[in-house]
Amino acid sequence: MLSASVKLSNQVFTVPIQWIPKEFHFENFINIWKTIPFATFFKNTVFLSVVITLIQLLTSSFAAYGFSKAQFKGRDTLFLLYIGTIAVPWQVYMIPQFIMMKELGLTDNLWALVLMQAFNCFGVFLMRQYYMSIPDELCESARIDGLSEWGIYWKIVLPLTKPAIASLTIITFVNTWNDYMGPFIYLNSTENKTIQLGLRMFVSQFDAEYSLIMAASVVSIIPVAIVFLSMQKYFVEGVATSGMKG
């Protein structure tokens, strides 16, 4: 991808492949902004990825706290029923979701994708498993000292689950950033399209600008790389330890 991004389109499929081209065409990285409204696509993708990630972190952590630290009748049964929806393929409820969004007047609207992805069963499951590793004695001691449930959640539970938060942030951000089917179904107008849909615009009926596709792909992975590199410490810790130490 990096090699093809600085070549001409007719040089991308040369045999044998030339990993380091004789001439570097860095103008490809300028042309992608002129050929299509790439800035608009980039802005829309950033908006969806950031907003959906933040909302999922909020809803997943709240629900996980209730399913792990709150005591109420039927808690575990309700959790199993909720998590069981992970087994339902998206294709099963894809059409009902579209009908709902159409009735709400949210077709060709970025907020349709935000609403549909505001809750994440996997995120609740991931956060709950980390919350369960936190001793209940910590929460009980905080309650005795007069700390509210919100205070326990914010000051005790969340700081101890940074690996889970980092893992969920990376997973959600990357999945939203790379999502193609959701935007393809709900977004029609050019001003609302995302990067994944925008890359398709480099392909015409008779030709495809592969060098521009590769250049745009290189630019599109930069935010994902930044998010991962900034959180890799906690992400690796979460994979390695799966909970609290000691």
C-alpha atoms as a PDB file:
ATOM      1  CA  MET A   1       0.000   0.000   0.000  1.00  0.00           C
ATOM      2  CA  LEU A   2       2.781   2.434   0.899  1.00  0.00           C
ATOM      3  CA  SER A   3       4.675   1.554  -2.251  1.00  0.00           C
ATOM      4  CA  ALA A   4       1.652   1.902  -4.518  1.00  0.00           C
ATOM      5  CA  SER A   5       0.625   5.203  -2.942  1.00  0.00           C
ATOM      6  CA  VAL A   6       3.657   6.983  -4.466  1.00  0.00           C
ATOM      7  CA  LYS A   7       3.391   5.406  -7.929  1.00  0.00           C
ATOM      8  CA  LEU A   8       1.370   6.143 -11.022  1.00  0.00           C
ATOM      9  CA  SER A   9      -1.709   3.959 -11.469  1.00  0.00           C
ATOM     10  CA  ASN A  10      -0.178   2.146 -14.442  1.00  0.00           C
ATOM     11  CA  GLN A  11       2.836   1.198 -12.321  1.00  0.00           C
ATOM     12  CA  VAL A  12       0.931  -0.455  -9.477  1.00  0.00           C
ATOM     13  CA  PHE A  13       0.587  -3.872 -11.136  1.00  0.00           C
ATOM     14  CA  THR A  14       3.935  -4.085 -12.898  1.00  0.00           C
ATOM     15  CA  VAL A  15       5.594  -7.518 -12.858  1.00  0.00           C
ATOM     16  CA  PRO A  16       7.981  -8.055 -11.179  1.00  0.00           C
ATOM     17  CA  ILE A  17       6.762  -5.668  -8.527  1.00  0.00           C
ATOM     18  CA  GLN A  18       8.939  -2.632  -7.887  1.00  0.00           C
ATOM     19  CA  TRP A  19       8.841  -2.053  -4.154  1.00  0.00           C
ATOM     20  CA  ILE A  20      10.806   1.184  -4.317  1.00  0.00           C
ATOM     21  CA  PRO A  21       9.723   3.200  -7.375  1.00  0.00           C
ATOM     22  CA  LYS A  22      12.273   5.095  -9.431  1.00  0.00           C
ATOM     23  CA  GLU A  23      10.148   8.240  -9.142  1.00  0.00           C
ATOM     24  CA  PHE A  24       8.086   9.129  -6.108  1.00  0.00           C
ATOM     25  CA  HIS A  25       4.761  10.749  -6.919  1.00  0.00           C
ATOM     26  CA  PHE A  26       3.890  12.406  -3.634  1.00  0.00           C
ATOM     27  CA  GLU A  27       1.360  14.534  -5.487  1.00  0.00           C
ATOM     28  CA  ASN A  28      -1.010  11.586  -5.056  1.00  0.00           C
ATOM     29  CA  PHE A  29      -1.489  12.669  -1.445  1.00  0.00           C
ATOM     30  CA  ILE A  30      -2.541  16.112  -2.701  1.00  0.00           C
ATOM     31  CA  ASN A  31      -4.733  14.859  -5.527  1.00  0.00           C
ATOM     32  CA  ILE A  32      -6.910  12.759  -3.223  1.00  0.00           C
ATOM     33  CA  TRP A  33      -8.202  15.966  -1.627  1.00  0.00           C
ATOM     34  CA  LYS A  34      -8.962  17.489  -5.038  1.00  0.00           C
ATOM     35  CA  THR A  35     -10.386  14.518  -6.936  1.00  0.00           C
ATOM     36  CA  ILE A  36     -13.106  13.764  -4.386  1.00  0.00           C
ATOM     37  CA  PRO A  37     -14.376  15.659  -1.294  1.00  0.00           C
ATOM     38  CA  PHE A  38     -12.000  13.625   0.865  1.00  0.00           C
ATOM     39  CA  ALA A  39     -11.953  16.249   3.624  1.00  0.00           C
ATOM     40  CA  THR A  40     -15.722  15.888   4.038  1.00  0.00           C
ATOM     41  CA  PHE A  41     -15.470  12.104   4.163  1.00  0.00           C
ATOM     42  CA  PHE A  42     -12.645  12.332   6.688  1.00  0.00           C
ATOM     43  CA  LYS A  43     -14.625  14.719   8.894  1.00  0.00           C
ATOM     44  CA  ASN A  44     -17.717  12.486   8.825  1.00  0.00           C
ATOM     45  CA  THR A  45     -15.681   9.392   9.697  1.00  0.00           C
ATOM     46  CA  VAL A  46     -13.948  11.164  12.585  1.00  0.00           C
ATOM     47  CA  PHE A  47     -17.314  12.385  13.892  1.00  0.00           C
ATOM     48  CA  LEU A  48     -18.878   8.926  13.823  1.00  0.00           C
ATOM     49  CA  SER A  49     -15.846   7.166  15.304  1.00  0.00           C
ATOM     50  CA  VAL A  50     -15.344   9.627  18.164  1.00  0.00           C
ATOM     51  CA  VAL A  51     -19.019  10.068  19.093  1.00  0.00           C
ATOM     52  CA  ILE A  52     -19.874   6.356  18.910  1.00  0.00           C
ATOM     53  CA  THR A  53     -16.761   5.407  20.885  1.00  0.00           C
ATOM     54  CA  LEU A  54     -17.523   7.917  23.653  1.00  0.00           C
ATOM     55  CA  ILE A  55     -21.183   6.879  23.872  1.00  0.00           C
ATOM     56  CA  GLN A  56     -20.326   3.178  23.948  1.00  0.00           C
ATOM     57  CA  LEU A  57     -17.755   3.749  26.687  1.00  0.00           C
ATOM     58  CA  LEU A  58     -20.377   5.570  28.720  1.00  0.00           C
ATOM     59  CA  THR A  59     -23.240   3.128  28.221  1.00  0.00           C
ATOM     60  CA  SER A  60     -21.096  -0.007  28.479  1.00  0.00           C
ATOM     61  CA  SER A  61     -19.359   1.106  31.669  1.00  0.00           C
ATOM     62  CA  PHE A  62     -22.655   2.164  33.291  1.00  0.00           C
ATOM     63  CA  ALA A  63     -24.391  -1.102  32.413  1.00  0.00           C
ATOM     64  CA  ALA A  64     -21.374  -3.154  33.460  1.00  0.00           C
ATOM     65  CA  TYR A  65     -21.295  -1.423  36.840  1.00  0.00           C
ATOM     66  CA  GLY A  66     -24.953  -2.303  37.388  1.00  0.00           C
ATOM     67  CA  PHE A  67     -24.471  -5.920  36.303  1.00  0.00           C
ATOM     68  CA  SER A  68     -21.386  -6.401  38.499  1.00  0.00           C
ATOM     69  CA  LYS A  69     -21.632  -4.195  41.601  1.00  0.00           C
ATOM     70  CA  ALA A  70     -25.335  -3.479  42.035  1.00  0.00           C
ATOM     71  CA  GLN A  71     -27.453  -6.068  43.811  1.00  0.00           C
ATOM     72  CA  PHE A  72     -30.976  -6.633  42.479  1.00  0.00           C
ATOM     73  CA  LYS A  73     -33.234  -9.613  41.791  1.00  0.00           C
ATOM     74  CA  GLY A  74     -32.682 -11.295  38.435  1.00  0.00           C
ATOM     75  CA  ARG A  75     -29.439  -9.455  37.738  1.00  0.00           C
ATOM     76  CA  ASP A  76     -27.521 -12.425  36.353  1.00  0.00           C
ATOM     77  CA  THR A  77     -30.502 -13.679  34.325  1.00  0.00           C
ATOM     78  CA  LEU A  78     -30.998 -10.263  32.769  1.00  0.00           C
ATOM     79  CA  PHE A  79     -27.292 -10.081  31.976  1.00  0.00           C
ATOM     80  CA  LEU A  80     -27.345 -13.479  30.245  1.00  0.00           C
ATOM     81  CA  LEU A  81     -30.387 -12.478  28.192  1.00  0.00           C
ATOM     82  CA  TYR A  82     -28.734  -9.236  27.157  1.00  0.00           C
ATOM     83  CA  ILE A  83     -25.409 -10.851  26.270  1.00  0.00           C
ATOM     84  CA  GLY A  84     -27.258 -13.595  24.405  1.00  0.00           C
ATOM     85  CA  THR A  85     -28.179 -11.043  21.737  1.00  0.00           C
ATOM     86  CA  ILE A  86     -24.549 -11.188  20.570  1.00  0.00           C
ATOM     87  CA  ALA A  87     -25.416 -14.516  18.954  1.00  0.00           C
ATOM     88  CA  VAL A  88     -28.043 -12.863  16.737  1.00  0.00           C
ATOM     89  CA  PRO A  89     -26.491 -11.994  13.341  1.00  0.00           C
ATOM     90  CA  TRP A  90     -26.776  -8.380  12.243  1.00  0.00           C
ATOM     91  CA  GLN A  91     -28.378  -9.501   8.971  1.00  0.00           C
ATOM     92  CA  VAL A  92     -31.410 -10.708  10.946  1.00  0.00           C
ATOM     93  CA  TYR A  93     -32.368  -7.270  12.285  1.00  0.00           C
ATOM     94  CA  MET A  94     -30.792  -5.157   9.533  1.00  0.00           C
ATOM     95  CA  ILE A  95     -34.095  -4.528   7.730  1.00  0.00           C
ATOM     96  CA  PRO A  96     -36.151  -3.810  10.909  1.00  0.00           C
ATOM     97  CA  GLN A  97     -33.463  -1.323  11.949  1.00  0.00           C
ATOM     98  CA  PHE A  98     -33.661   0.406   8.597  1.00  0.00           C
ATOM     99  CA  ILE A  99     -37.457   0.636   8.864  1.00  0.00           C
ATOM    100  CA  MET A 100     -37.126   2.170  12.340  1.00  0.00           C
ATOM    101  CA  MET A 101     -34.633   4.766  11.159  1.00  0.00           C
ATOM    102  CA  LYS A 102     -36.824   5.548   8.139  1.00  0.00           C
ATOM    103  CA  GLU A 103     -39.858   6.085  10.367  1.00  0.00           C
ATOM    104  CA  LEU A 104     -37.777   8.428  12.514  1.00  0.00           C
ATOM    105  CA  GLY A 105     -36.683  10.355   9.433  1.00  0.00           C
ATOM    106  CA  LEU A 106     -33.017   9.552   9.995  1.00  0.00           C
ATOM    107  CA  THR A 107     -32.120   7.982   6.662  1.00  0.00           C
ATOM    108  CA  ASP A 108     -29.137   9.696   5.053  1.00  0.00           C
ATOM    109  CA  ASN A 109     -28.251  11.066   8.489  1.00  0.00           C
ATOM    110  CA  LEU A 110     -25.107  10.399  10.513  1.00  0.00           C
ATOM    111  CA  TRP A 111     -27.136  10.262  13.718  1.00  0.00           C
ATOM    112  CA  ALA A 112     -28.863   7.086  12.509  1.00  0.00           C
ATOM    113  CA  LEU A 113     -25.532   5.253  12.763  1.00  0.00           C
ATOM    114  CA  VAL A 114     -24.845   6.851  16.160  1.00  0.00           C
ATOM    115  CA  LEU A 115     -28.189   5.725  17.593  1.00  0.00           C
ATOM    116  CA  MET A 116     -27.865   2.182  16.278  1.00  0.00           C
ATOM    117  CA  GLN A 117     -24.412   1.744  17.788  1.00  0.00           C
ATOM    118  CA  ALA A 118     -24.977   3.565  21.080  1.00  0.00           C
ATOM    119  CA  PHE A 119     -25.188   0.253  22.956  1.00  0.00           C
ATOM    120  CA  ASN A 120     -22.756  -2.620  22.582  1.00  0.00           C
ATOM    121  CA  CYS A 121     -23.321  -6.012  24.199  1.00  0.00           C
ATOM    122  CA  PHE A 122     -19.690  -6.987  23.777  1.00  0.00           C
ATOM    123  CA  GLY A 123     -18.596  -3.752  25.473  1.00  0.00           C
ATOM    124  CA  VAL A 124     -20.829  -4.493  28.455  1.00  0.00           C
ATOM    125  CA  PHE A 125     -19.468  -8.030  28.665  1.00  0.00           C
ATOM    126  CA  LEU A 126     -15.847  -6.826  28.468  1.00  0.00           C
ATOM    127  CA  MET A 127     -16.270  -4.119  31.097  1.00  0.00           C
ATOM    128  CA  ARG A 128     -18.240  -6.365  33.439  1.00  0.00           C
ATOM    129  CA  GLN A 129     -15.503  -8.993  33.437  1.00  0.00           C
ATOM    130  CA  TYR A 130     -13.030  -6.360  34.616  1.00  0.00           C
ATOM    131  CA  TYR A 131     -15.435  -4.934  37.167  1.00  0.00           C
ATOM    132  CA  MET A 132     -15.927  -8.416  38.611  1.00  0.00           C
ATOM    133  CA  SER A 133     -12.197  -8.599  39.322  1.00  0.00           C
ATOM    134  CA  ILE A 134     -12.444  -5.560  41.625  1.00  0.00           C
ATOM    135  CA  PRO A 135     -13.123  -6.684  45.210  1.00  0.00           C
ATOM    136  CA  ASP A 136     -16.601  -5.802  46.430  1.00  0.00           C
ATOM    137  CA  GLU A 137     -15.015  -4.815  49.751  1.00  0.00           C
ATOM    138  CA  LEU A 138     -13.682  -1.655  48.105  1.00  0.00           C
ATOM    139  CA  CYS A 139     -17.175  -0.584  47.114  1.00  0.00           C
ATOM    140  CA  GLU A 140     -18.636  -1.528  50.503  1.00  0.00           C
ATOM    141  CA  SER A 141     -15.975   0.479  52.322  1.00  0.00           C
ATOM    142  CA  ALA A 142     -16.714   3.469  50.107  1.00  0.00           C
ATOM    143  CA  ARG A 143     -20.439   3.194  50.852  1.00  0.00           C
ATOM    144  CA  ILE A 144     -19.754   3.073  54.586  1.00  0.00           C
ATOM    145  CA  ASP A 145     -17.642   6.227  54.203  1.00  0.00           C
ATOM    146  CA  GLY A 146     -20.611   7.942  52.576  1.00  0.00           C
ATOM    147  CA  LEU A 147     -19.548   7.833  48.942  1.00  0.00           C
ATOM    148  CA  SER A 148     -22.434   7.737  46.470  1.00  0.00           C
ATOM    149  CA  GLU A 149     -22.792   5.108  43.741  1.00  0.00           C
ATOM    150  CA  TRP A 150     -21.690   7.701  41.195  1.00  0.00           C
ATOM    151  CA  GLY A 151     -18.635   8.455  43.342  1.00  0.00           C
ATOM    152  CA  ILE A 152     -17.779   4.756  43.624  1.00  0.00           C
ATOM    153  CA  TYR A 153     -18.105   4.349  39.878  1.00  0.00           C
ATOM    154  CA  TRP A 154     -16.075   7.455  39.023  1.00  0.00           C
ATOM    155  CA  LYS A 155     -13.386   7.441  41.728  1.00  0.00           C
ATOM    156  CA  ILE A 156     -12.822   3.751  42.440  1.00  0.00           C
ATOM    157  CA  VAL A 157     -14.053   1.465  39.667  1.00  0.00           C
ATOM    158  CA  LEU A 158     -13.094   3.419  36.538  1.00  0.00           C
ATOM    159  CA  PRO A 159      -9.474   4.170  37.574  1.00  0.00           C
ATOM    160  CA  LEU A 160      -8.931   0.440  38.181  1.00  0.00           C
ATOM    161  CA  THR A 161     -10.233  -0.565  34.747  1.00  0.00           C
ATOM    162  CA  LYS A 162      -8.029   1.485  32.427  1.00  0.00           C
ATOM    163  CA  PRO A 163      -6.957  -1.636  30.450  1.00  0.00           C
ATOM    164  CA  ALA A 164     -10.603  -2.492  29.740  1.00  0.00           C
ATOM    165  CA  ILE A 165     -11.400   1.081  28.756  1.00  0.00           C
ATOM    166  CA  ALA A 166      -8.393   1.205  26.424  1.00  0.00           C
ATOM    167  CA  SER A 167      -9.309  -2.142  24.866  1.00  0.00           C
ATOM    168  CA  LEU A 168     -12.923  -1.118  24.285  1.00  0.00           C
ATOM    169  CA  THR A 169     -11.830   2.262  22.904  1.00  0.00           C
ATOM    170  CA  ILE A 170      -9.505   0.682  20.359  1.00  0.00           C
ATOM    171  CA  ILE A 171     -11.988  -2.017  19.316  1.00  0.00           C
ATOM    172  CA  THR A 172     -14.924   0.387  18.971  1.00  0.00           C
ATOM    173  CA  PHE A 173     -12.948   3.111  17.207  1.00  0.00           C
ATOM    174  CA  VAL A 174     -11.408   0.735  14.675  1.00  0.00           C
ATOM    175  CA  ASN A 175     -14.710  -1.055  13.962  1.00  0.00           C
ATOM    176  CA  THR A 176     -16.547   2.231  13.451  1.00  0.00           C
ATOM    177  CA  TRP A 177     -13.749   3.709  11.351  1.00  0.00           C
ATOM    178  CA  ASN A 178     -13.662   0.669   9.053  1.00  0.00           C
ATOM    179  CA  ASP A 179     -17.428   0.166   8.876  1.00  0.00           C
ATOM    180  CA  TYR A 180     -18.655  -0.048   5.299  1.00  0.00           C
ATOM    181  CA  MET A 181     -22.076  -1.715   5.325  1.00  0.00           C
ATOM    182  CA  GLY A 182     -23.693   0.668   7.820  1.00  0.00           C
ATOM    183  CA  PRO A 183     -22.813   3.874   5.931  1.00  0.00           C
ATOM    184  CA  PHE A 184     -23.505   2.111   2.622  1.00  0.00           C
ATOM    185  CA  ILE A 185     -27.081   1.342   3.687  1.00  0.00           C
ATOM    186  CA  TYR A 186     -28.004   4.596   5.411  1.00  0.00           C
ATOM    187  CA  LEU A 187     -25.933   7.338   3.740  1.00  0.00           C
ATOM    188  CA  ASN A 188     -26.762   8.435   0.196  1.00  0.00           C
ATOM    189  CA  SER A 189     -25.674  12.042  -0.239  1.00  0.00           C
ATOM    190  CA  THR A 190     -22.034  12.865  -0.898  1.00  0.00           C
ATOM    191  CA  GLU A 191     -21.796  15.304   2.016  1.00  0.00           C
ATOM    192  CA  ASN A 192     -22.662  12.518   4.477  1.00  0.00           C
ATOM    193  CA  LYS A 193     -20.457   9.722   3.171  1.00  0.00           C
ATOM    194  CA  THR A 194     -17.499   8.278   5.075  1.00  0.00           C
ATOM    195  CA  ILE A 195     -13.978   7.404   3.958  1.00  0.00           C
ATOM    196  CA  GLN A 196     -14.860   3.785   3.245  1.00  0.00           C
ATOM    197  CA  LEU A 197     -17.567   4.883   0.817  1.00  0.00           C
ATOM    198  CA  GLY A 198     -15.397   7.646  -0.563  1.00  0.00           C
ATOM    199  CA  LEU A 199     -12.653   5.230  -1.619  1.00  0.00           C
ATOM    200  CA  ARG A 200     -15.165   3.636  -3.970  1.00  0.00           C
ATOM    201  CA  MET A 201     -15.438   6.933  -5.840  1.00  0.00           C
ATOM    202  CA  PHE A 202     -11.931   6.451  -7.228  1.00  0.00           C
ATOM    203  CA  VAL A 203     -13.326   3.533  -9.229  1.00  0.00           C
ATOM    204  CA  SER A 204     -15.212   4.495 -12.380  1.00  0.00           C
ATOM    205  CA  GLN A 205     -17.005   2.331 -14.941  1.00  0.00           C
ATOM    206  CA  PHE A 206     -13.941   1.913 -17.123  1.00  0.00           C
ATOM    207  CA  ASP A 207     -10.972   2.664 -14.877  1.00  0.00           C
ATOM    208  CA  ALA A 208      -9.722   2.725 -11.298  1.00  0.00           C
ATOM    209  CA  GLU A 209      -7.191   5.122  -9.792  1.00  0.00           C
ATOM    210  CA  TYR A 210      -5.339   2.532  -7.707  1.00  0.00           C
ATOM    211  CA  SER A 211      -2.532   4.890  -6.751  1.00  0.00           C
ATOM    212  CA  LEU A 212      -5.044   7.387  -5.334  1.00  0.00           C
ATOM    213  CA  ILE A 213      -6.905   4.583  -3.566  1.00  0.00           C
ATOM    214  CA  MET A 214      -3.674   3.511  -1.890  1.00  0.00           C
ATOM    215  CA  ALA A 215      -2.744   7.092  -0.994  1.00  0.00           C
ATOM    216  CA  ALA A 216      -6.184   7.679   0.543  1.00  0.00           C
ATOM    217  CA  SER A 217      -5.902   4.371   2.422  1.00  0.00           C
ATOM    218  CA  VAL A 218      -2.553   5.447   3.888  1.00  0.00           C
ATOM    219  CA  VAL A 219      -4.084   8.704   5.112  1.00  0.00           C
ATOM    220  CA  SER A 220      -7.128   6.891   6.494  1.00  0.00           C
ATOM    221  CA  ILE A 221      -5.107   4.592   8.775  1.00  0.00           C
ATOM    222  CA  ILE A 222      -3.289   7.481  10.502  1.00  0.00           C
ATOM    223  CA  PRO A 223      -6.045   8.171  13.090  1.00  0.00           C
ATOM    224  CA  VAL A 224      -6.333   4.446  13.863  1.00  0.00           C
ATOM    225  CA  ALA A 225      -2.577   4.226  14.378  1.00  0.00           C
ATOM    226  CA  ILE A 226      -2.633   7.267  16.669  1.00  0.00           C
ATOM    227  CA  VAL A 227      -5.427   5.810  18.821  1.00  0.00           C
ATOM    228  CA  PHE A 228      -3.711   2.445  19.135  1.00  0.00           C
ATOM    229  CA  LEU A 229      -0.242   3.847  19.870  1.00  0.00           C
ATOM    230  CA  SER A 230      -1.609   6.204  22.506  1.00  0.00           C
ATOM    231  CA  MET A 231      -3.371   3.354  24.329  1.00  0.00           C
ATOM    232  CA  GLN A 232      -1.207   0.343  23.568  1.00  0.00           C
ATOM    233  CA  LYS A 233       0.290   0.322  27.084  1.00  0.00           C
ATOM    234  CA  TYR A 234      -3.104  -0.294  28.693  1.00  0.00           C
ATOM    235  CA  PHE A 235      -4.301  -2.500  25.820  1.00  0.00           C
ATOM    236  CA  VAL A 236      -1.327  -4.870  26.158  1.00  0.00           C
ATOM    237  CA  GLU A 237      -1.740  -4.847  29.927  1.00  0.00           C
ATOM    238  CA  GLY A 238      -5.392  -5.822  29.537  1.00  0.00           C
ATOM    239  CA  VAL A 239      -4.554  -8.712  27.213  1.00  0.00           C
ATOM    240  CA  ALA A 240      -1.736  -9.923  29.467  1.00  0.00           C
ATOM    241  CA  THR A 241      -3.391  -9.683  32.879  1.00  0.00           C
ATOM    242  CA  SER A 242      -7.178  -9.867  32.319  1.00  0.00           C
ATOM    243  CA  GLY A 243      -8.018  -8.065  35.533  1.00  0.00           C
ATOM    244  CA  MET A 244      -6.529  -6.618  38.661  1.00  0.00           C
ATOM    245  CA  LYS A 245      -3.108  -7.680  39.875  1.00  0.00           C
ATOM    246  CA  GLY A 246      -2.373  -8.840  43.370  1.00  0.00           C
END
